[in-house]
Amino acid sequence: MLSLVFALVQANPTVLLGAIALLMAINMGILLSVVREPRGVKGGTGKSRTPRAWKSVLLVTSHPDDESMFFGPTIQAAKRMGAQVHILCLSAGNADGLGEVRAKELDAAGVYLGVASVNLVDDAALRDGFEEKWPVEAVAAQVDAAARKVGAETVVTFDAGGISGHPNHTATYRGVLYWMLSEDYRETLRGVRQVWSLVTTNTVRKFVGAYDAFASFFLDPDAMLAASNPLVLMRAMAMHASQFVWYRRLFVVFSRYSYTNT
């Protein structure tokens, strides 16, 4: 069975994606347009602290393709609510010497997803790679500059687990956290009403696709954002052709992050 799946992915990924998405649609139908509000939020007033209040969202990622592979439901939900989404990508993903190619792929995916802007950082302190150590100060400076430029009132990024555990992802989280807590950025932060992090789940939940929406909806205390059209997100990931190898094709089909974000 697994060999058949691999063969279908390599021969005609569109057919496979369509077939699986159709099966999952029955289970996703009641959730596709849901924005589940967080429970037990303290402080703030009314909807000012919920996703429905988003107006200008700065999405902080580590590499080209993060936006499509992990944050797609957030992008679609934000746009569905009338918010503008701006992407700040902290590196060109040049670990394999494909930085220029990946930059063009990111621009194309950004246009396809309908984001308002894409800012790809070129900073010697923020190089792609498992062995690279990203200083929190360098991340914070880039986040602050981008937030001021786009007038962001909401910032979204990875959590401490970084979804995949990639050290650049976890460094992005730490840098955003440093930015939030540093006195150096008080002026910018006065205009930022919310900072959200994408929840890292266990391996089982990560790879049950749309079915995890039910666990997220009933068990997670955080907001849940559902994709409007998972196939659009899969096509956006396919635009990152240099990275769209067989295991990433399987990932976007079976990953919960193609269907829901919490």
Protein backbone atom coordinates (compact mmCIF):
# COMPACT_ATOMS: atom_id res chain seq x y z
CA MET A 1 0.00 0.00 0.00
CA LEU A 2 2.80 2.39 0.92
CA SER A 3 4.56 1.61 -2.38
CA LEU A 4 1.34 2.44 -4.21
CA VAL A 5 1.12 5.79 -2.42
CA PHE A 6 4.73 6.60 -3.33
CA ALA A 7 4.07 5.67 -6.96
CA LEU A 8 0.97 7.85 -7.13
CA VAL A 9 2.78 10.79 -5.55
CA GLN A 10 5.61 10.56 -8.05
CA ALA A 11 3.45 9.83 -11.10
CA ASN A 12 0.54 12.18 -10.57
CA PRO A 13 0.54 14.05 -7.25
CA THR A 14 -2.51 16.13 -8.23
CA VAL A 15 -4.68 13.00 -8.54
CA LEU A 16 -3.50 11.67 -5.20
CA LEU A 17 -3.96 14.99 -3.42
CA GLY A 18 -7.42 15.40 -4.90
CA ALA A 19 -8.55 11.90 -3.93
CA ILE A 20 -7.34 12.16 -0.35
CA ALA A 21 -8.71 15.68 0.05
CA LEU A 22 -12.11 14.48 -1.17
CA LEU A 23 -12.19 11.73 1.44
CA MET A 24 -11.15 14.12 4.16
CA ALA A 25 -13.68 16.76 3.10
CA ILE A 26 -16.52 14.71 4.60
CA ASN A 27 -14.85 14.97 7.99
CA MET A 28 -13.74 18.57 7.53
CA GLY A 29 -16.99 19.97 6.18
CA ILE A 30 -18.30 21.45 9.40
CA LEU A 31 -14.90 22.89 10.31
CA LEU A 32 -13.51 24.44 7.12
CA SER A 33 -14.62 27.98 7.90
CA VAL A 34 -14.27 27.81 11.65
CA VAL A 35 -12.31 30.26 13.71
CA ARG A 36 -12.51 28.85 17.23
CA GLU A 37 -11.93 31.55 19.82
CA PRO A 38 -9.45 30.91 22.65
CA ARG A 39 -10.95 29.83 25.94
CA GLY A 40 -10.00 31.41 29.23
CA VAL A 41 -8.11 34.41 27.82
CA LYS A 42 -7.42 36.89 30.61
CA GLY A 43 -7.04 40.61 30.04
CA GLY A 44 -8.03 42.66 27.02
CA THR A 45 -11.58 43.51 26.02
CA GLY A 46 -14.13 41.76 23.84
CA LYS A 47 -12.74 40.39 20.59
CA SER A 48 -9.60 42.53 20.68
CA ARG A 49 -7.58 39.49 21.79
CA THR A 50 -9.09 36.98 19.34
CA PRO A 51 -8.22 36.10 15.72
CA ARG A 52 -11.43 37.73 14.51
CA ALA A 53 -9.91 41.10 15.43
CA TRP A 54 -6.85 40.68 13.22
CA LYS A 55 -6.22 43.56 10.81
CA SER A 56 -2.54 43.50 9.86
CA VAL A 57 -0.68 40.23 10.50
CA LEU A 58 3.09 39.78 10.38
CA LEU A 59 3.93 36.11 9.84
CA VAL A 60 7.53 35.43 10.91
CA THR A 61 9.05 32.31 9.32
CA SER A 62 12.54 30.88 9.05
CA HIS A 63 12.73 29.58 5.47
CA PRO A 64 10.93 29.85 2.13
CA ASP A 65 8.17 27.18 2.14
CA ASP A 66 7.41 27.50 5.90
CA GLU A 67 4.44 29.71 5.05
CA SER A 68 2.88 27.05 2.80
CA MET A 69 3.91 23.94 4.71
CA PHE A 70 2.96 25.07 8.22
CA PHE A 71 1.04 28.36 8.33
CA GLY A 72 -1.34 28.01 5.39
CA PRO A 73 -4.54 27.74 7.46
CA THR A 74 -3.53 30.88 9.37
CA ILE A 75 -3.00 32.79 6.12
CA GLN A 76 -6.33 31.67 4.68
CA ALA A 77 -8.26 32.34 7.90
CA ALA A 78 -6.73 35.80 8.29
CA LYS A 79 -7.61 36.73 4.71
CA ARG A 80 -11.11 35.32 5.21
CA MET A 81 -11.55 37.75 8.10
CA GLY A 82 -10.34 40.67 6.01
CA ALA A 83 -6.84 40.98 7.46
CA GLN A 84 -3.71 41.73 5.48
CA VAL A 85 -0.93 39.17 5.85
CA HIS A 86 2.73 40.12 5.54
CA ILE A 87 5.48 37.49 5.48
CA LEU A 88 8.87 38.08 7.09
CA CYS A 89 11.17 35.19 6.12
CA LEU A 90 14.42 35.32 8.08
CA SER A 91 16.61 33.40 5.62
CA ALA A 92 16.71 32.43 1.96
CA GLY A 93 17.16 28.75 2.81
CA ASN A 94 20.57 28.74 1.19
CA ALA A 95 22.06 25.76 3.02
CA ASP A 96 22.25 23.84 -0.28
CA GLY A 97 23.19 26.84 -2.40
CA LEU A 98 19.64 27.35 -3.70
CA GLY A 99 18.95 30.69 -2.05
CA GLU A 100 18.21 32.61 -5.24
CA VAL A 101 15.92 29.87 -6.54
CA ARG A 102 14.08 29.64 -3.25
CA ALA A 103 13.63 33.40 -3.08
CA LYS A 104 11.80 33.33 -6.42
CA GLU A 105 9.71 30.38 -5.26
CA LEU A 106 8.71 32.28 -2.13
CA ASP A 107 7.64 35.30 -4.17
CA ALA A 108 5.51 33.10 -6.44
CA ALA A 109 3.89 31.30 -3.50
CA GLY A 110 3.21 34.61 -1.78
CA VAL A 111 1.41 35.96 -4.84
CA TYR A 112 -0.58 32.73 -5.18
CA LEU A 113 -1.63 32.82 -1.52
CA GLY A 114 -2.60 36.47 -1.82
CA VAL A 115 -0.39 37.90 0.91
CA ALA A 116 0.13 41.65 1.00
CA SER A 117 3.94 41.56 1.07
CA VAL A 118 6.95 39.27 1.33
CA ASN A 119 10.16 40.41 3.01
CA LEU A 120 13.09 38.00 2.60
CA VAL A 121 15.97 38.80 4.96
CA ASP A 122 19.60 38.73 3.85
CA ASP A 123 21.58 38.82 7.09
CA ALA A 124 24.93 37.12 7.65
CA ALA A 125 23.85 36.36 11.23
CA LEU A 126 20.78 34.44 10.00
CA ARG A 127 22.01 31.73 7.68
CA ASP A 128 20.04 28.59 6.93
CA GLY A 129 21.41 25.40 8.47
CA PHE A 130 21.08 22.95 11.32
CA GLU A 131 24.42 24.03 12.73
CA GLU A 132 23.77 27.77 12.51
CA LYS A 133 23.23 29.67 15.76
CA TRP A 134 20.83 32.56 15.28
CA PRO A 135 21.35 35.38 17.82
CA VAL A 136 18.08 36.46 19.40
CA GLU A 137 19.15 40.07 18.95
CA ALA A 138 19.42 39.64 15.16
CA VAL A 139 15.98 38.03 14.94
CA ALA A 140 14.43 40.71 17.17
CA ALA A 141 15.89 43.54 15.09
CA GLN A 142 14.43 42.10 11.88
CA VAL A 143 11.02 41.51 13.48
CA ASP A 144 10.90 45.02 14.87
CA ALA A 145 11.81 46.64 11.56
CA ALA A 146 9.22 44.57 9.68
CA ALA A 147 6.47 45.19 12.25
CA ARG A 148 7.03 48.94 12.02
CA LYS A 149 7.15 48.88 8.23
CA VAL A 150 3.82 47.09 7.75
CA GLY A 151 2.07 48.49 10.83
CA ALA A 152 1.50 45.02 12.25
CA GLU A 153 -0.89 44.72 15.17
CA THR A 154 -0.61 40.91 15.25
CA VAL A 155 2.52 38.75 14.99
CA VAL A 156 2.43 34.99 14.33
CA THR A 157 5.40 32.63 14.44
CA PHE A 158 6.60 29.19 15.60
CA ASP A 159 6.39 28.00 19.19
CA ALA A 160 9.30 26.66 21.25
CA GLY A 161 9.04 23.27 19.51
CA GLY A 162 9.32 24.75 16.04
CA ILE A 163 6.87 22.16 14.59
CA SER A 164 9.69 20.08 13.08
CA GLY A 165 12.28 20.88 15.74
CA HIS A 166 14.53 22.62 13.19
CA PRO A 167 16.95 24.83 15.16
CA ASN A 168 16.21 27.81 12.89
CA HIS A 169 12.53 27.48 13.75
CA THR A 170 13.16 27.37 17.49
CA ALA A 171 15.60 30.27 17.18
CA THR A 172 12.88 32.26 15.42
CA TYR A 173 10.58 31.69 18.38
CA ARG A 174 13.27 32.71 20.88
CA GLY A 175 14.05 35.84 18.88
CA VAL A 176 10.40 36.90 18.76
CA LEU A 177 10.12 36.24 22.50
CA TYR A 178 13.22 38.38 23.09
CA TRP A 179 11.67 41.14 20.97
CA MET A 180 8.48 41.00 23.04
CA LEU A 181 10.34 41.30 26.35
CA SER A 182 13.07 43.76 25.41
CA GLU A 183 12.77 47.36 26.53
CA ASP A 184 14.51 48.40 23.31
CA TYR A 185 11.34 47.75 21.28
CA ARG A 186 8.68 49.25 23.55
CA GLU A 187 7.68 51.85 20.95
CA THR A 188 6.87 49.26 18.28
CA LEU A 189 5.19 46.93 20.75
CA ARG A 190 2.72 49.62 21.78
CA GLY A 191 1.07 49.10 18.40
CA VAL A 192 1.16 45.28 18.56
CA ARG A 193 -1.92 43.90 20.28
CA GLN A 194 -1.25 40.17 19.96
CA VAL A 195 1.59 37.71 19.44
CA TRP A 196 0.60 34.13 18.61
CA SER A 197 2.69 30.96 18.24
CA LEU A 198 1.81 27.89 16.17
CA VAL A 199 1.39 24.85 18.42
CA THR A 200 3.73 21.90 17.93
CA THR A 201 1.82 18.62 18.37
CA ASN A 202 3.02 15.09 18.96
CA THR A 203 3.91 12.91 15.98
CA VAL A 204 0.61 11.02 15.92
CA ARG A 205 -1.49 14.17 15.80
CA LYS A 206 0.87 15.79 13.33
CA PHE A 207 0.24 13.14 10.68
CA VAL A 208 -3.48 12.39 10.91
CA GLY A 209 -4.28 15.24 8.56
CA ALA A 210 -7.75 16.76 8.74
CA TYR A 211 -8.83 14.31 11.43
CA ASP A 212 -6.80 16.25 14.00
CA ALA A 213 -9.29 19.10 13.60
CA PHE A 214 -11.62 17.25 15.95
CA ALA A 215 -8.99 16.86 18.67
CA SER A 216 -8.00 20.50 18.22
CA PHE A 217 -11.58 21.74 18.28
CA PHE A 218 -12.61 19.95 21.46
CA LEU A 219 -9.36 19.60 23.43
CA ASP A 220 -7.00 22.48 22.67
CA PRO A 221 -7.52 25.62 24.77
CA ASP A 222 -6.15 27.87 22.06
CA ALA A 223 -7.72 29.38 18.97
CA MET A 224 -8.20 27.06 16.01
CA LEU A 225 -7.92 28.31 12.45
CA ALA A 226 -9.11 26.03 9.65
CA ALA A 227 -8.00 26.16 6.03
CA SER A 228 -10.54 27.44 3.52
CA ASN A 229 -9.05 25.28 0.78
CA PRO A 230 -6.28 22.79 1.64
CA LEU A 231 -5.67 22.05 -2.05
CA VAL A 232 -4.64 25.68 -2.59
CA LEU A 233 -2.09 25.29 0.20
CA MET A 234 -0.75 22.10 -1.37
CA ARG A 235 -0.40 23.85 -4.71
CA ALA A 236 1.40 26.73 -2.99
CA MET A 237 3.85 24.24 -1.50
CA ALA A 238 4.33 22.71 -4.96
CA MET A 239 5.55 26.13 -6.13
CA HIS A 240 8.58 25.54 -3.95
CA ALA A 241 9.72 23.07 -6.61
CA SER A 242 13.31 22.86 -5.38
CA GLN A 243 11.99 21.50 -2.06
CA PHE A 244 8.98 19.50 -3.22
CA VAL A 245 10.58 16.07 -3.01
CA TRP A 246 8.54 12.92 -2.38
CA TYR A 247 8.50 13.08 1.42
CA ARG A 248 7.32 16.69 1.43
CA ARG A 249 4.57 15.72 -1.01
CA LEU A 250 3.44 13.15 1.52
CA PHE A 251 3.83 15.67 4.32
CA VAL A 252 1.44 18.22 2.85
CA VAL A 253 -1.20 15.52 2.31
CA PHE A 254 -1.05 13.93 5.75
CA SER A 255 0.08 16.82 7.94
CA ARG A 256 -2.50 18.50 10.18
CA TYR A 257 -0.83 21.82 9.27
CA SER A 258 -2.37 21.66 5.80
CA TYR A 259 -5.82 21.70 7.38
CA THR A 260 -5.73 23.42 10.77
CA ASN A 261 -3.54 25.64 12.88
CA THR A 262 -3.85 26.02 16.64
